[in-house]
Amino acid sequence: MTKLAYLDCQTGIAGDMCLGALVSAGVPLEYLLTKLQGLDIEQEYRLRAQSVHCNEQLATKIYVDLLSEAEPHHHSHQINQGSGHAQSRNLPEIERLITAADFPTRVSEWSLAVFRKLAEAEGAVHGIAPEKVHFHEVGAIDAIVDIIGTCLGLDWLGIDQLYCSALPTGGGRVRAAHGWLPVPAPAVLKLWESRQVPIYSNGIERELVTPTGAALAVTLATSFGSPPAMTIQKVGNGAGSIQLPIPNMLRLWIGETPPVSPQGGRGIGNGELGIEGKKNVVSAADDASPNLETIAVLETQIDDLSPQGIGYLYERLFQVGAVDVFTQPIGMKKSRPGILVTVICHPPDISACEEVLFNETTTLGIRRLIQQRRILPRTIQSVQTEYGEIRVKVAWKEESGEKTIINIQPEYEDCASIAQQHHLPWREVHQLALDTWSKEQGSDRFFK
């Protein structure tokens, strides 16, 4: 059986929330304290856990109390690019601490990868090399304990594959070591960019994802989106630090599922790390279903709007980011004929699409569904015909290292434009584009 864990991040993710969720799920705090002593920095902090209530729900809050006199720690922005502070640790110094400690092999590898990813993101934001990024000591202690403690906890639980939900963006601004920053913090955006993380707004204007939390998720998660198929065995709740309209906690779901086939996905256990930059990497592309993306489905039924308005609705929805829009005839209450309007969009575009639906139709309510869809890899190529250039969308699937082209479609707008300009039937231009593409690519069906 493969042991799975899923990070349910409805109010975001931070390092202390990860650690709290693991302790809540059964990782002994004494074990973490003992293993962290290998870093030889226990004289600088005290790690403790406390049961708290988040909107009446029980969760575990983790505290890292500093034992040295230092300025207050701004947890949300842990890294600064300068070395003006009297006490700081850069990436090579933290890597030496981890390497010298007596950790299980995969704990060391995961921890090193997370810190490297975090330093790369901060370095990209400030325009410096990752090795020159300095972790101010106050922030570094928290980051060290949270990151390594989380890796120790995942290892202690025997997690083979880690998954993560889509992440909420938050909003507003947060105070950092060098002033105020917009939320999401620049480093968080860089980390999301590195893995194409699905994000959305839950309407909460606070910092919900910290750089440490983002680095843990981006580095260790096999993929982002809906929970994997699993039998739930345990749930751990890690409390956040602020009061929110909904329970501010990270929920860690732990369960089991049968092992995947040799051609399927590999997780972070048994040497198969879920981190980038290693020989035994598992990224989103290595999942059992590699071409999955999180998608939102919006639905509403209408029985009192002119059909002319529906045509205009299509245009407005596509303008604000809808991926697809379609309607179906339905029978509604009081025997009225109506239509079901369905909009497919990416989670960040939910608000914009709903705003159009409310403004342009008579609906009083919209249903939301967050789903996953499998998509074919595709690319846009161009062919030069005797009448002009036409773009062609080419989709393929990969089996045993071979990329097999399975769908070729000339772009409708290009074919329509040429057909109108040269007074030709559209289907004739469409076929011309297909024939031209086939001649240019050769007779086989494979990429070279």
Foldseek 3Di string as FASTA:
>chain_A
DAKEKEKEQPLAFALQQLLQQLVQQPDDPVVLVVQVCLLVCPQFWDWDWDWDAFPNHTTIGIDTGTPDDDDDAFQQAFWDQDDPDPDWAALVRLLVSLVRGPDPPLLNVQLNQLLQLLLPLVCVVVVHDSRRIIGHVVNVVSLSSSSSSSSRSCVVVQHWAYEYEAGEFAFDWGAHPVGIATTVGSSLVSLCVVQVGFYAHPPHRDRRYGSSGSSSNSFFHLYYHDDDDWDFDTKHWGQDDDHDPGGRTIIMTMGDDDDDDPQAATHCPPPQGCGPPDPNHRHLCRHRQNQKDKKKKKKDKAQPDDPVLVVVLQVQLVVQFWPDKDKDWDADPPRGIIIMIMTMGGNHSVVVNVVSCVVSGVTPDMDMDIDMDGDFDWDWDWFADPQGIWIKIWTWDDDPRWTFTDDIFIDQVVLVVSCVVVVHDSVVSRVRRVVRVDVVVDPDGTDD
